[in-house]
Amino acid sequence: MFIISVPAGFPSPAEDFVEGPLDLNRYLIHHPAATFFVRVIGDSMVGVGIYPNDLLIVDRAVTAVSGSIVIAVVNGELTIKRLHQRQGQVSLVPENPAYTPIEITAATTFEVWGVVTKAIHFLA
């Protein structure tokens, strides 16, 4: 597989843009031993371009910070949400106004499984 740069403006001869062999692992996966893929079910994250059936690349070696999109386990169930931390309060926020944030309390079992680093969106 080769990578080719394609101008979004005026057409140009293709042979001028061949960069060489492409290793997708090099571009998409930074910590192979800590990386896994997740297929999206549901539409709670469409506001950030994550759609049903997309593939997410999730890296467990990346530290989740406020604002990260994470795969989390909440009361035994997996979810994809944006992590918000403010003044000791933690919530998981959807990127679709049809859904409400999940507030993490002392009674909630909660664990971040990993940080979403890339989304692979299928166009066809």
Protein backbone atom coordinates (compact mmCIF):
# COMPACT_ATOMS: atom_id res chain seq x y z
CA MET A 1 0.00 0.00 0.00
CA PHE A 2 1.29 3.49 -0.86
CA ILE A 3 0.41 6.92 0.42
CA ILE A 4 -0.46 9.54 -2.15
CA SER A 5 -1.00 13.24 -1.51
CA VAL A 6 -4.03 14.48 -3.44
CA PRO A 7 -4.65 18.19 -3.96
CA ALA A 8 -8.14 19.36 -3.06
CA GLY A 9 -7.79 22.24 -5.55
CA PHE A 10 -6.69 21.87 -9.16
CA PRO A 11 -5.83 18.41 -10.59
CA SER A 12 -2.16 17.52 -10.95
CA PRO A 13 -0.26 14.54 -12.40
CA ALA A 14 -0.52 11.69 -9.89
CA GLU A 15 3.09 10.51 -10.17
CA ASP A 16 4.25 13.78 -8.57
CA PHE A 17 2.48 12.88 -5.34
CA VAL A 18 3.55 9.30 -4.56
CA GLU A 19 5.26 9.39 -1.16
CA GLY A 20 6.11 5.71 -0.80
CA PRO A 21 4.91 2.69 1.18
CA LEU A 22 2.25 3.26 3.83
CA ASP A 23 2.21 1.44 7.15
CA LEU A 24 -1.12 2.31 8.80
CA ASN A 25 0.14 1.01 12.14
CA ARG A 26 2.80 3.72 12.10
CA TYR A 27 0.20 6.45 11.60
CA LEU A 28 -2.65 5.13 13.72
CA ILE A 29 -1.22 3.07 16.57
CA HIS A 30 1.37 4.50 18.95
CA HIS A 31 1.29 1.83 21.68
CA PRO A 32 0.54 -1.52 19.96
CA ALA A 33 0.48 -3.58 23.16
CA ALA A 34 -2.01 -1.18 24.76
CA THR A 35 -4.25 -0.50 21.76
CA PHE A 36 -7.57 -2.08 20.82
CA PHE A 37 -10.43 -1.37 18.42
CA VAL A 38 -14.07 -0.73 19.29
CA ARG A 39 -17.06 -0.70 16.94
CA VAL A 40 -19.56 2.05 17.79
CA ILE A 41 -23.18 1.24 18.60
CA GLY A 42 -25.53 4.19 19.04
CA ASP A 43 -25.45 7.88 18.25
CA SER A 44 -24.48 9.65 21.47
CA MET A 45 -21.22 10.97 19.98
CA VAL A 46 -22.33 12.18 16.53
CA GLY A 47 -21.52 15.78 17.49
CA VAL A 48 -17.81 14.97 17.27
CA GLY A 49 -18.08 12.86 14.13
CA ILE A 50 -18.36 9.44 15.77
CA TYR A 51 -21.21 7.53 14.12
CA PRO A 52 -22.78 4.07 14.48
CA ASN A 53 -20.56 1.33 13.00
CA ASP A 54 -17.42 3.51 13.05
CA LEU A 55 -14.25 1.88 14.36
CA LEU A 56 -12.46 3.61 17.20
CA ILE A 57 -8.80 3.16 18.03
CA VAL A 58 -8.47 3.13 21.80
CA ASP A 59 -5.13 3.48 23.59
CA ARG A 60 -4.90 2.32 27.21
CA ALA A 61 -1.40 3.83 27.55
CA VAL A 62 -2.74 7.37 27.11
CA THR A 63 -3.76 9.13 30.33
CA ALA A 64 -7.34 10.37 30.23
CA VAL A 65 -7.70 14.05 31.05
CA SER A 66 -10.73 16.29 31.17
CA GLY A 67 -11.94 16.66 27.60
CA SER A 68 -10.70 13.25 26.43
CA ILE A 69 -13.11 10.96 24.63
CA VAL A 70 -12.96 7.72 26.57
CA ILE A 71 -14.23 4.18 26.68
CA ALA A 72 -15.47 3.76 30.23
CA VAL A 73 -17.17 1.11 32.32
CA VAL A 74 -20.02 2.59 34.35
CA ASN A 75 -21.83 0.22 36.70
CA GLY A 76 -20.68 -2.73 34.60
CA GLU A 77 -21.65 -1.27 31.20
CA LEU A 78 -19.37 0.11 28.49
CA THR A 79 -19.91 3.59 27.10
CA ILE A 80 -18.16 6.11 24.85
CA LYS A 81 -18.30 9.67 26.20
CA ARG A 82 -16.25 12.81 26.76
CA LEU A 83 -14.66 12.87 30.22
CA HIS A 84 -15.25 16.04 32.23
CA GLN A 85 -13.50 16.69 35.53
CA ARG A 86 -14.12 19.88 37.45
CA GLN A 87 -13.55 20.64 41.13
CA GLY A 88 -13.51 16.96 42.06
CA GLN A 89 -16.69 16.17 40.12
CA VAL A 90 -16.51 13.67 37.27
CA SER A 91 -19.06 13.26 34.50
CA LEU A 92 -19.26 11.55 31.15
CA VAL A 93 -20.77 13.85 28.57
CA PRO A 94 -22.39 12.79 25.30
CA GLU A 95 -21.93 14.81 22.11
CA ASN A 96 -25.61 14.62 21.16
CA PRO A 97 -28.23 16.81 22.87
CA ALA A 98 -30.69 13.88 22.90
CA TYR A 99 -28.63 12.30 25.71
CA THR A 100 -27.88 13.48 29.25
CA PRO A 101 -24.49 13.43 30.96
CA ILE A 102 -23.65 10.60 33.34
CA GLU A 103 -22.65 11.98 36.73
CA ILE A 104 -20.11 9.80 38.54
CA THR A 105 -20.87 9.60 42.26
CA ALA A 106 -19.45 7.63 45.18
CA ALA A 107 -22.12 4.98 44.51
CA THR A 108 -21.05 4.59 40.85
CA THR A 109 -18.57 1.94 39.82
CA PHE A 110 -16.44 3.64 37.21
CA GLU A 111 -13.27 2.90 35.30
CA VAL A 112 -11.72 4.43 32.18
CA TRP A 113 -10.66 1.61 29.87
CA GLY A 114 -8.83 3.80 27.41
CA VAL A 115 -8.69 7.03 25.45
CA VAL A 116 -10.07 7.21 21.92
CA THR A 117 -7.24 8.41 19.70
CA LYS A 118 -8.74 7.94 16.23
CA ALA A 119 -12.10 7.28 14.61
CA ILE A 120 -12.38 5.42 11.34
CA HIS A 121 -15.54 6.57 9.61
CA PHE A 122 -16.87 4.61 6.67
CA LEU A 123 -18.26 6.72 3.84
CA ALA A 124 -19.65 3.95 1.67
